Amino acid sequence: MDRILFGDNQFFGVNHSSDEKSRAQTIRFQEDKAIMRVLDTVIDEGINTFMCTTHDRIGNICDIIRQDRKYQDFKIYPCMPYAHKYANAVTELGYLGTIKQFVPGNIFSTFAKGGLAFMKKDFSELARLMIDAEMKMFRGINTPVIWVQNVITDLLLGLGMTEFLVTFYNHIKEKYHAEPGFITMNLPLLLDTLEKAGIENPTVCASINKIGFRMSGGRAKYEEVIAQKRCNLVAMQVLAAGALRPEEAFDYVCSLEGVDSILFGASSRANIKQSKELIESHYALVEK
C-alpha cells in the first residue's frame, strides 16, 4: 500500500468543520470534469491511489479512467457502502424496494417468497450480493484494497455481529483477490474483535490525530495499540477537521511507529503539494 492516499470528501461536500465550505465544495464539483482536474493534479504530484466512496458519481469517474490509458497505473480503493444512497432509497422505496433496486439477479423473488424471515436467515448472502452490486462500477479498474465504511464496521461491532465482518473479509479475498479493509472510529475494539474471529494483521483505516478527534478510547489507548503493530494501518482525519495546523498534524502522525499510510483530501494544487511534502519530510526525519 502506498504511503500517501488521496480521499474524496471534498468532492461531495463533506466538511467536518464548516457547513459553508461544504456548500461551496458541492457547487464547485457539480461537474465530473472538475473532479478529474483535481485527480490529474494529484497524479502530477506523484500520488497514485484514490480512496473513494461508492457514490453514484464515482461511476462516471471510473468510466473516464477506463477510457484513457494515462490512468492505467492509477489505483482506486473503493469504500462501501455510500450510506446516504441507501438511506435515501429506503425513505423513497422501503426496505424491499431498496433491495430490489440495488441487489443484482433474481434474489428479490426469493425474498418476496420468504420475506423478512429469509433475510434474517441468510443475511450474509445478501451482504455478498450487495458488495457485488457496489463493485460493478469498478470493473476493469485496479482496486487492490476494498474497504467497508466505518458506519457499517462500527455498527456491527456495537451489535456484536462479527460474522458479517468475516463475510466481507472472505468475499473480498475470494472473489476480488483484493485486500479487505475496515474503516473504524474504534481501533482497539476492532482489532480485538477481528483477532478473536481469526483475522490476523488486518488492513485498517482509523482516525488518528493529536487531539483524539473521533478516536474512541482516547489518544493514549490508540498510541498503545499502534505501537503493537497488529495491523496495516492507514491514518485518516489527521487534521482533526481543521483543528490542527498541517505541520503539527503530520509531525504527530508520522512520528507514530506503526502508521503505514496517511489519507488526506484537498482541492487545490497548493494544498495537495503542501500535504504531500509535509508527509514525506516528516517521515524522512523519523527514518533517519
C-alpha atoms as a PDB file:
ATOM      1  CA  MET A   1       0.000   0.000   0.000  1.00  0.00           C
ATOM      2  CA  ASP A   2       1.276   3.479  -0.863  1.00  0.00           C
ATOM      3  CA  ARG A   3       2.340   5.750   1.956  1.00  0.00           C
ATOM      4  CA  ILE A   4       0.117   8.626   0.786  1.00  0.00           C
ATOM      5  CA  LEU A   5      -3.528   8.153  -0.228  1.00  0.00           C
ATOM      6  CA  PHE A   6      -5.893  10.787  -1.618  1.00  0.00           C
ATOM      7  CA  GLY A   7      -9.520  10.923  -0.414  1.00  0.00           C
ATOM      8  CA  ASP A   8     -12.783  12.178  -1.907  1.00  0.00           C
ATOM      9  CA  ASN A   9     -14.639  14.053   0.871  1.00  0.00           C
ATOM     10  CA  GLN A  10     -14.141  17.439  -0.771  1.00  0.00           C
ATOM     11  CA  PHE A  11     -15.824  16.271  -3.981  1.00  0.00           C
ATOM     12  CA  PHE A  12     -19.139  15.535  -2.298  1.00  0.00           C
ATOM     13  CA  GLY A  13     -19.440  18.392   0.170  1.00  0.00           C
ATOM     14  CA  VAL A  14     -18.157  16.546   3.244  1.00  0.00           C
ATOM     15  CA  ASN A  15     -16.506  19.058   5.546  1.00  0.00           C
ATOM     16  CA  HIS A  16     -16.482  18.357   9.279  1.00  0.00           C
ATOM     17  CA  SER A  17     -15.584  21.906  10.270  1.00  0.00           C
ATOM     18  CA  SER A  18     -17.764  24.188   8.141  1.00  0.00           C
ATOM     19  CA  ASP A  19     -21.200  23.943   6.513  1.00  0.00           C
ATOM     20  CA  GLU A  20     -20.313  26.954   4.379  1.00  0.00           C
ATOM     21  CA  LYS A  21     -17.222  25.223   2.982  1.00  0.00           C
ATOM     22  CA  SER A  22     -19.304  22.117   2.422  1.00  0.00           C
ATOM     23  CA  ARG A  23     -21.816  24.037   0.295  1.00  0.00           C
ATOM     24  CA  ALA A  24     -19.047  25.743  -1.665  1.00  0.00           C
ATOM     25  CA  GLN A  25     -17.385  22.408  -2.433  1.00  0.00           C
ATOM     26  CA  THR A  26     -20.680  20.896  -3.543  1.00  0.00           C
ATOM     27  CA  ILE A  27     -21.157  23.742  -6.020  1.00  0.00           C
ATOM     28  CA  ARG A  28     -17.561  23.626  -7.233  1.00  0.00           C
ATOM     29  CA  PHE A  29     -17.618  19.904  -8.007  1.00  0.00           C
ATOM     30  CA  GLN A  30     -21.016  19.672  -9.668  1.00  0.00           C
ATOM     31  CA  GLU A  31     -19.373  18.516 -12.887  1.00  0.00           C
ATOM     32  CA  ASP A  32     -17.191  15.433 -13.309  1.00  0.00           C
ATOM     33  CA  LYS A  33     -14.519  17.378 -15.161  1.00  0.00           C
ATOM     34  CA  ALA A  34     -13.895  19.433 -12.008  1.00  0.00           C
ATOM     35  CA  ILE A  35     -13.156  16.226 -10.094  1.00  0.00           C
ATOM     36  CA  MET A  36     -10.895  14.974 -12.876  1.00  0.00           C
ATOM     37  CA  ARG A  37      -8.889  18.218 -12.841  1.00  0.00           C
ATOM     38  CA  VAL A  38      -8.054  17.607  -9.177  1.00  0.00           C
ATOM     39  CA  LEU A  39      -7.211  13.947  -9.781  1.00  0.00           C
ATOM     40  CA  ASP A  40      -4.901  14.968 -12.625  1.00  0.00           C
ATOM     41  CA  THR A  41      -3.176  17.338 -10.210  1.00  0.00           C
ATOM     42  CA  VAL A  42      -2.861  14.522  -7.675  1.00  0.00           C
ATOM     43  CA  ILE A  43      -1.179  12.314 -10.287  1.00  0.00           C
ATOM     44  CA  ASP A  44       1.105  15.169 -11.346  1.00  0.00           C
ATOM     45  CA  GLU A  45       2.220  15.470  -7.724  1.00  0.00           C
ATOM     46  CA  GLY A  46       3.124  11.784  -7.617  1.00  0.00           C
ATOM     47  CA  ILE A  47       0.131  10.357  -5.727  1.00  0.00           C
ATOM     48  CA  ASN A  48      -1.272   7.277  -7.439  1.00  0.00           C
ATOM     49  CA  THR A  49      -4.031   5.997  -5.141  1.00  0.00           C
ATOM     50  CA  PHE A  50      -7.543   7.431  -4.815  1.00  0.00           C
ATOM     51  CA  MET A  51      -9.615   6.191  -1.859  1.00  0.00           C
ATOM     52  CA  CYS A  52     -13.275   6.934  -2.516  1.00  0.00           C
ATOM     53  CA  THR A  53     -16.833   6.090  -1.570  1.00  0.00           C
ATOM     54  CA  THR A  54     -19.228   4.266  -3.884  1.00  0.00           C
ATOM     55  CA  HIS A  55     -21.116   7.496  -4.557  1.00  0.00           C
ATOM     56  CA  ASP A  56     -23.048   7.244  -7.842  1.00  0.00           C
ATOM     57  CA  ARG A  57     -20.842   9.877  -9.471  1.00  0.00           C
ATOM     58  CA  ILE A  58     -17.736   7.782  -8.886  1.00  0.00           C
ATOM     59  CA  GLY A  59     -19.124   5.512 -11.604  1.00  0.00           C
ATOM     60  CA  ASN A  60     -18.688   8.411 -14.054  1.00  0.00           C
ATOM     61  CA  ILE A  61     -15.104   8.909 -12.857  1.00  0.00           C
ATOM     62  CA  CYS A  62     -14.393   5.216 -13.381  1.00  0.00           C
ATOM     63  CA  ASP A  63     -15.751   5.471 -16.936  1.00  0.00           C
ATOM     64  CA  ILE A  64     -13.302   8.287 -17.677  1.00  0.00           C
ATOM     65  CA  ILE A  65     -10.362   6.415 -16.128  1.00  0.00           C
ATOM     66  CA  ARG A  66     -11.145   3.226 -18.060  1.00  0.00           C
ATOM     67  CA  GLN A  67     -11.166   5.082 -21.370  1.00  0.00           C
ATOM     68  CA  ASP A  68      -7.798   6.854 -21.037  1.00  0.00           C
ATOM     69  CA  ARG A  69      -4.519   4.925 -20.914  1.00  0.00           C
ATOM     70  CA  LYS A  70      -2.804   7.677 -18.956  1.00  0.00           C
ATOM     71  CA  TYR A  71      -4.652   6.354 -15.887  1.00  0.00           C
ATOM     72  CA  GLN A  72      -3.568   2.737 -16.359  1.00  0.00           C
ATOM     73  CA  ASP A  73      -1.319   2.813 -13.270  1.00  0.00           C
ATOM     74  CA  PHE A  74      -3.817   4.724 -11.138  1.00  0.00           C
ATOM     75  CA  LYS A  75      -5.321   2.728  -8.262  1.00  0.00           C
ATOM     76  CA  ILE A  76      -8.732   3.163  -6.663  1.00  0.00           C
ATOM     77  CA  TYR A  77      -9.642   1.935  -3.179  1.00  0.00           C
ATOM     78  CA  PRO A  78     -13.460   1.654  -3.056  1.00  0.00           C
ATOM     79  CA  CYS A  79     -15.144   2.314   0.322  1.00  0.00           C
ATOM     80  CA  MET A  80     -18.630   0.851   0.708  1.00  0.00           C
ATOM     81  CA  PRO A  81     -21.438   1.420   1.224  1.00  0.00           C
ATOM     82  CA  TYR A  82     -22.212   5.054   0.475  1.00  0.00           C
ATOM     83  CA  ALA A  83     -24.717   5.270   3.313  1.00  0.00           C
ATOM     84  CA  HIS A  84     -26.733   8.265   2.056  1.00  0.00           C
ATOM     85  CA  LYS A  85     -27.555   6.408  -1.154  1.00  0.00           C
ATOM     86  CA  TYR A  86     -29.220   3.573   0.753  1.00  0.00           C
ATOM     87  CA  ALA A  87     -30.841   5.812   3.359  1.00  0.00           C
ATOM     88  CA  ASN A  88     -32.500   7.876   0.633  1.00  0.00           C
ATOM     89  CA  ALA A  89     -33.633   4.733  -1.189  1.00  0.00           C
ATOM     90  CA  VAL A  90     -35.176   3.263   1.969  1.00  0.00           C
ATOM     91  CA  THR A  91     -37.072   6.519   2.521  1.00  0.00           C
ATOM     92  CA  GLU A  92     -38.401   6.501  -1.043  1.00  0.00           C
ATOM     93  CA  LEU A  93     -38.788   2.769  -1.754  1.00  0.00           C
ATOM     94  CA  GLY A  94     -38.914   0.955   1.578  1.00  0.00           C
ATOM     95  CA  TYR A  95     -36.599  -1.889   2.582  1.00  0.00           C
ATOM     96  CA  LEU A  96     -37.680  -4.454  -0.004  1.00  0.00           C
ATOM     97  CA  GLY A  97     -37.822  -1.804  -2.721  1.00  0.00           C
ATOM     98  CA  THR A  98     -34.249  -0.827  -1.893  1.00  0.00           C
ATOM     99  CA  ILE A  99     -33.095  -4.442  -2.128  1.00  0.00           C
ATOM    100  CA  LYS A 100     -34.833  -4.794  -5.490  1.00  0.00           C
ATOM    101  CA  GLN A 101     -33.106  -1.670  -6.815  1.00  0.00           C
ATOM    102  CA  PHE A 102     -29.561  -2.421  -5.670  1.00  0.00           C
ATOM    103  CA  VAL A 103     -29.182  -6.196  -5.450  1.00  0.00           C
ATOM    104  CA  PRO A 104     -28.423  -7.976  -8.771  1.00  0.00           C
ATOM    105  CA  GLY A 105     -30.071 -11.098 -10.158  1.00  0.00           C
ATOM    106  CA  ASN A 106     -33.305 -12.766  -9.118  1.00  0.00           C
ATOM    107  CA  ILE A 107     -32.702 -12.568  -5.392  1.00  0.00           C
ATOM    108  CA  PHE A 108     -35.711 -10.299  -4.923  1.00  0.00           C
ATOM    109  CA  SER A 109     -38.149 -13.047  -5.901  1.00  0.00           C
ATOM    110  CA  THR A 110     -36.598 -15.253  -3.233  1.00  0.00           C
ATOM    111  CA  PHE A 111     -37.002 -12.507  -0.646  1.00  0.00           C
ATOM    112  CA  ALA A 112     -40.582 -11.923  -1.740  1.00  0.00           C
ATOM    113  CA  LYS A 113     -41.397 -15.563  -1.059  1.00  0.00           C
ATOM    114  CA  GLY A 114     -39.516 -15.840   2.227  1.00  0.00           C
ATOM    115  CA  GLY A 115     -39.941 -12.273   3.423  1.00  0.00           C
ATOM    116  CA  LEU A 116     -38.025 -10.962   6.399  1.00  0.00           C
ATOM    117  CA  ALA A 117     -37.561 -14.462   7.777  1.00  0.00           C
ATOM    118  CA  PHE A 118     -35.342 -15.300   4.807  1.00  0.00           C
ATOM    119  CA  MET A 119     -33.441 -12.031   5.177  1.00  0.00           C
ATOM    120  CA  LYS A 120     -32.619 -12.836   8.781  1.00  0.00           C
ATOM    121  CA  LYS A 121     -31.723 -16.427   7.935  1.00  0.00           C
ATOM    122  CA  ASP A 122     -29.243 -15.640   5.187  1.00  0.00           C
ATOM    123  CA  PHE A 123     -28.164 -12.056   5.656  1.00  0.00           C
ATOM    124  CA  SER A 124     -24.581 -12.990   4.782  1.00  0.00           C
ATOM    125  CA  GLU A 125     -25.689 -13.930   1.265  1.00  0.00           C
ATOM    126  CA  LEU A 126     -27.461 -10.603   0.931  1.00  0.00           C
ATOM    127  CA  ALA A 127     -24.269  -8.862   2.088  1.00  0.00           C
ATOM    128  CA  ARG A 128     -22.234 -10.626  -0.603  1.00  0.00           C
ATOM    129  CA  LEU A 129     -24.741  -9.652  -3.282  1.00  0.00           C
ATOM    130  CA  MET A 130     -24.723  -6.020  -2.199  1.00  0.00           C
ATOM    131  CA  ILE A 131     -20.916  -5.973  -2.235  1.00  0.00           C
ATOM    132  CA  ASP A 132     -21.050  -7.259  -5.820  1.00  0.00           C
ATOM    133  CA  ALA A 133     -23.581  -4.562  -6.719  1.00  0.00           C
ATOM    134  CA  GLU A 134     -21.314  -1.856  -5.278  1.00  0.00           C
ATOM    135  CA  MET A 135     -18.281  -3.204  -7.130  1.00  0.00           C
ATOM    136  CA  LYS A 136     -19.898  -3.147 -10.585  1.00  0.00           C
ATOM    137  CA  MET A 137     -18.828   0.441 -11.247  1.00  0.00           C
ATOM    138  CA  PHE A 138     -15.164  -0.532 -10.695  1.00  0.00           C
ATOM    139  CA  ARG A 139     -14.963  -3.293 -13.303  1.00  0.00           C
ATOM    140  CA  GLY A 140     -11.648  -3.117 -15.137  1.00  0.00           C
ATOM    141  CA  ILE A 141     -10.190  -0.734 -12.528  1.00  0.00           C
ATOM    142  CA  ASN A 142      -7.194  -1.647 -10.357  1.00  0.00           C
ATOM    143  CA  THR A 143      -8.741  -1.991  -6.853  1.00  0.00           C
ATOM    144  CA  PRO A 144      -6.116  -3.725  -4.669  1.00  0.00           C
ATOM    145  CA  VAL A 145      -7.811  -2.724  -1.393  1.00  0.00           C
ATOM    146  CA  ILE A 146     -11.590  -2.654  -0.844  1.00  0.00           C
ATOM    147  CA  TRP A 147     -12.970  -1.079   2.333  1.00  0.00           C
ATOM    148  CA  VAL A 148     -16.105  -1.323   4.423  1.00  0.00           C
ATOM    149  CA  GLN A 149     -17.138   2.087   5.764  1.00  0.00           C
ATOM    150  CA  ASN A 150     -17.000   2.892   9.479  1.00  0.00           C
ATOM    151  CA  VAL A 151     -20.786   3.401   9.587  1.00  0.00           C
ATOM    152  CA  ILE A 152     -21.102  -0.356   8.978  1.00  0.00           C
ATOM    153  CA  THR A 153     -17.938  -1.557  10.727  1.00  0.00           C
ATOM    154  CA  ASP A 154     -18.734   0.225  13.971  1.00  0.00           C
ATOM    155  CA  LEU A 155     -22.441  -0.636  13.862  1.00  0.00           C
ATOM    156  CA  LEU A 156     -21.590  -4.338  13.539  1.00  0.00           C
ATOM    157  CA  LEU A 157     -19.014  -4.026  16.325  1.00  0.00           C
ATOM    158  CA  GLY A 158     -21.608  -2.444  18.589  1.00  0.00           C
ATOM    159  CA  LEU A 159     -24.155  -5.157  17.817  1.00  0.00           C
ATOM    160  CA  GLY A 160     -21.629  -7.941  18.219  1.00  0.00           C
ATOM    161  CA  MET A 161     -22.316  -9.142  14.661  1.00  0.00           C
ATOM    162  CA  THR A 162     -18.756 -10.205  13.903  1.00  0.00           C
ATOM    163  CA  GLU A 163     -19.824 -12.846  11.383  1.00  0.00           C
ATOM    164  CA  PHE A 164     -20.707 -10.169   8.843  1.00  0.00           C
ATOM    165  CA  LEU A 165     -17.260  -8.586   9.121  1.00  0.00           C
ATOM    166  CA  VAL A 166     -15.840 -12.043   8.432  1.00  0.00           C
ATOM    167  CA  THR A 167     -18.227 -12.406   5.464  1.00  0.00           C
ATOM    168  CA  PHE A 168     -16.911  -9.151   3.992  1.00  0.00           C
ATOM    169  CA  TYR A 169     -13.295 -10.202   4.590  1.00  0.00           C
ATOM    170  CA  ASN A 170     -13.687 -13.617   2.961  1.00  0.00           C
ATOM    171  CA  HIS A 171     -15.753 -12.384  -0.001  1.00  0.00           C
ATOM    172  CA  ILE A 172     -13.267  -9.658  -0.934  1.00  0.00           C
ATOM    173  CA  LYS A 173     -10.382 -12.127  -0.696  1.00  0.00           C
ATOM    174  CA  GLU A 174     -12.080 -14.917  -2.618  1.00  0.00           C
ATOM    175  CA  LYS A 175     -13.965 -13.085  -5.369  1.00  0.00           C
ATOM    176  CA  TYR A 176     -11.924  -9.931  -5.953  1.00  0.00           C
ATOM    177  CA  HIS A 177      -8.460 -11.189  -4.939  1.00  0.00           C
ATOM    178  CA  ALA A 178      -8.038  -7.896  -3.081  1.00  0.00           C
ATOM    179  CA  GLU A 179      -7.139  -6.903   0.450  1.00  0.00           C
ATOM    180  CA  PRO A 180     -10.227  -6.277   2.623  1.00  0.00           C
ATOM    181  CA  GLY A 181     -10.013  -3.076   4.638  1.00  0.00           C
ATOM    182  CA  PHE A 182     -12.006  -1.933   7.663  1.00  0.00           C
ATOM    183  CA  ILE A 183     -12.635   1.754   8.412  1.00  0.00           C
ATOM    184  CA  THR A 184     -13.397   2.448  12.077  1.00  0.00           C
ATOM    185  CA  MET A 185     -13.647   5.039  14.825  1.00  0.00           C
ATOM    186  CA  ASN A 186     -12.724   2.377  17.405  1.00  0.00           C
ATOM    187  CA  LEU A 187      -9.362   0.866  16.503  1.00  0.00           C
ATOM    188  CA  PRO A 188      -8.752  -1.002  19.797  1.00  0.00           C
ATOM    189  CA  LEU A 189     -12.124  -2.769  19.775  1.00  0.00           C
ATOM    190  CA  LEU A 190     -11.950  -3.603  16.069  1.00  0.00           C
ATOM    191  CA  LEU A 191      -8.540  -5.274  16.357  1.00  0.00           C
ATOM    192  CA  ASP A 192      -9.589  -7.307  19.399  1.00  0.00           C
ATOM    193  CA  THR A 193     -12.778  -8.404  17.611  1.00  0.00           C
ATOM    194  CA  LEU A 194     -11.129  -9.361  14.326  1.00  0.00           C
ATOM    195  CA  GLU A 195      -8.369 -11.297  16.060  1.00  0.00           C
ATOM    196  CA  LYS A 196     -10.930 -13.281  18.058  1.00  0.00           C
ATOM    197  CA  ALA A 197     -12.618 -14.119  14.742  1.00  0.00           C
ATOM    198  CA  GLY A 198      -9.334 -15.422  13.314  1.00  0.00           C
ATOM    199  CA  ILE A 199      -8.410 -12.398  11.188  1.00  0.00           C
ATOM    200  CA  GLU A 200      -4.772 -11.555  11.913  1.00  0.00           C
ATOM    201  CA  ASN A 201      -2.902  -8.433  10.780  1.00  0.00           C
ATOM    202  CA  PRO A 202      -5.917  -6.821   9.055  1.00  0.00           C
ATOM    203  CA  THR A 203      -5.841  -3.652   6.987  1.00  0.00           C
ATOM    204  CA  VAL A 204      -7.481  -0.846   8.942  1.00  0.00           C
ATOM    205  CA  CYS A 205      -8.158   2.868   8.436  1.00  0.00           C
ATOM    206  CA  ALA A 206      -8.814   4.857  11.611  1.00  0.00           C
ATOM    207  CA  SER A 207      -8.991   8.439  12.836  1.00  0.00           C
ATOM    208  CA  ILE A 208      -5.576   9.278  14.259  1.00  0.00           C
ATOM    209  CA  ASN A 209      -4.699  12.790  15.334  1.00  0.00           C
ATOM    210  CA  LYS A 210      -3.026  14.734  18.108  1.00  0.00           C
ATOM    211  CA  ILE A 211      -6.218  15.806  19.903  1.00  0.00           C
ATOM    212  CA  GLY A 212      -8.092  12.476  19.899  1.00  0.00           C
ATOM    213  CA  PHE A 213     -10.795  13.599  17.460  1.00  0.00           C
ATOM    214  CA  ARG A 214     -13.093  10.624  16.695  1.00  0.00           C
ATOM    215  CA  MET A 215     -10.722   8.213  18.461  1.00  0.00           C
ATOM    216  CA  SER A 216     -12.948   6.049  20.662  1.00  0.00           C
ATOM    217  CA  GLY A 217     -10.968   5.044  23.726  1.00  0.00           C
ATOM    218  CA  GLY A 218      -8.737   8.101  23.598  1.00  0.00           C
ATOM    219  CA  ARG A 219      -5.340   9.033  22.238  1.00  0.00           C
ATOM    220  CA  ALA A 220      -3.309   7.152  24.873  1.00  0.00           C
ATOM    221  CA  LYS A 221      -5.068   3.863  24.140  1.00  0.00           C
ATOM    222  CA  TYR A 222      -4.586   4.353  20.405  1.00  0.00           C
ATOM    223  CA  GLU A 223      -0.872   5.028  20.839  1.00  0.00           C
ATOM    224  CA  GLU A 224      -0.550   1.832  22.856  1.00  0.00           C
ATOM    225  CA  VAL A 225      -2.348  -0.226  20.198  1.00  0.00           C
ATOM    226  CA  ILE A 226      -0.496   1.394  17.283  1.00  0.00           C
ATOM    227  CA  ALA A 227       2.859   0.581  18.884  1.00  0.00           C
ATOM    228  CA  GLN A 228       1.878  -3.113  18.940  1.00  0.00           C
ATOM    229  CA  LYS A 229       1.814  -3.182  15.102  1.00  0.00           C
ATOM    230  CA  ARG A 230      -1.140  -5.550  14.905  1.00  0.00           C
ATOM    231  CA  CYS A 231      -2.451  -4.237  11.580  1.00  0.00           C
ATOM    232  CA  ASN A 232      -1.623  -2.476   8.333  1.00  0.00           C
ATOM    233  CA  LEU A 233      -2.732   0.964   9.447  1.00  0.00           C
ATOM    234  CA  VAL A 234      -3.951   3.986   7.495  1.00  0.00           C
ATOM    235  CA  ALA A 235      -4.428   7.242   9.419  1.00  0.00           C
ATOM    236  CA  MET A 236      -7.356   9.460   8.443  1.00  0.00           C
ATOM    237  CA  GLN A 237      -8.773  12.725   9.865  1.00  0.00           C
ATOM    238  CA  VAL A 238      -5.205  13.659  10.707  1.00  0.00           C
ATOM    239  CA  LEU A 239      -6.065  17.368  10.744  1.00  0.00           C
ATOM    240  CA  ALA A 240      -8.975  16.737  13.166  1.00  0.00           C
ATOM    241  CA  ALA A 241     -11.468  18.556  10.919  1.00  0.00           C
ATOM    242  CA  GLY A 242      -9.201  21.592  10.648  1.00  0.00           C
ATOM    243  CA  ALA A 243      -8.474  21.944  14.361  1.00  0.00           C
ATOM    244  CA  LEU A 244      -4.772  21.264  13.775  1.00  0.00           C
ATOM    245  CA  ARG A 245      -2.266  23.016  11.539  1.00  0.00           C
ATOM    246  CA  PRO A 246      -0.889  20.683   8.822  1.00  0.00           C
ATOM    247  CA  GLU A 247       2.696  20.968  10.104  1.00  0.00           C
ATOM    248  CA  GLU A 248       1.668  19.990  13.634  1.00  0.00           C
ATOM    249  CA  ALA A 249      -0.756  17.301  12.483  1.00  0.00           C
ATOM    250  CA  PHE A 250       1.602  15.461  10.151  1.00  0.00           C
ATOM    251  CA  ASP A 251       4.506  15.775  12.590  1.00  0.00           C
ATOM    252  CA  TYR A 252       2.477  13.871  15.192  1.00  0.00           C
ATOM    253  CA  VAL A 253       1.123  11.113  12.937  1.00  0.00           C
ATOM    254  CA  CYS A 254       4.409  10.482  11.137  1.00  0.00           C
ATOM    255  CA  SER A 255       6.122  10.054  14.498  1.00  0.00           C
ATOM    256  CA  LEU A 256       3.915   7.054  15.363  1.00  0.00           C
ATOM    257  CA  GLU A 257       5.750   3.855  14.515  1.00  0.00           C
ATOM    258  CA  GLY A 258       3.006   1.582  13.261  1.00  0.00           C
ATOM    259  CA  VAL A 259       1.172   4.032  10.978  1.00  0.00           C
ATOM    260  CA  ASP A 260       1.846   2.793   7.451  1.00  0.00           C
ATOM    261  CA  SER A 261      -0.117   5.273   5.314  1.00  0.00           C
ATOM    262  CA  ILE A 262      -1.874   8.618   5.577  1.00  0.00           C
ATOM    263  CA  LEU A 263      -5.148   9.552   3.883  1.00  0.00           C
ATOM    264  CA  PHE A 264      -5.903  13.202   3.165  1.00  0.00           C
ATOM    265  CA  GLY A 265      -8.166  15.252   0.961  1.00  0.00           C
ATOM    266  CA  ALA A 266      -7.673  18.655  -0.670  1.00  0.00           C
ATOM    267  CA  SER A 267      -8.977  20.562  -3.659  1.00  0.00           C
ATOM    268  CA  SER A 268      -6.161  22.922  -4.671  1.00  0.00           C
ATOM    269  CA  ARG A 269      -2.727  22.169  -6.104  1.00  0.00           C
ATOM    270  CA  ALA A 270      -1.092  24.201  -3.344  1.00  0.00           C
ATOM    271  CA  ASN A 271      -2.730  22.193  -0.549  1.00  0.00           C
ATOM    272  CA  ILE A 272      -2.126  18.871  -2.274  1.00  0.00           C
ATOM    273  CA  LYS A 273       1.523  19.717  -2.800  1.00  0.00           C
ATOM    274  CA  GLN A 274       1.959  21.036   0.749  1.00  0.00           C
ATOM    275  CA  SER A 275       0.386  17.961   2.350  1.00  0.00           C
ATOM    276  CA  LYS A 276       2.449  15.530   0.301  1.00  0.00           C
ATOM    277  CA  GLU A 277       5.686  17.376   1.019  1.00  0.00           C
ATOM    278  CA  LEU A 278       4.949  17.592   4.755  1.00  0.00           C
ATOM    279  CA  ILE A 279       4.176  13.883   4.994  1.00  0.00           C
ATOM    280  CA  GLU A 280       7.312  12.936   3.084  1.00  0.00           C
ATOM    281  CA  SER A 281       9.551  15.284   5.037  1.00  0.00           C
ATOM    282  CA  HIS A 282       8.270  14.163   8.444  1.00  0.00           C
ATOM    283  CA  TYR A 283       8.575  10.508   7.532  1.00  0.00           C
ATOM    284  CA  ALA A 284      12.136  11.164   6.323  1.00  0.00           C
ATOM    285  CA  LEU A 285      13.029  12.790   9.658  1.00  0.00           C
ATOM    286  CA  VAL A 286      11.626   9.828  11.593  1.00  0.00           C
ATOM    287  CA  GLU A 287      13.520   7.303   9.484  1.00  0.00           C
ATOM    288  CA  LYS A 288      16.906   8.977   9.937  1.00  0.00           C
END
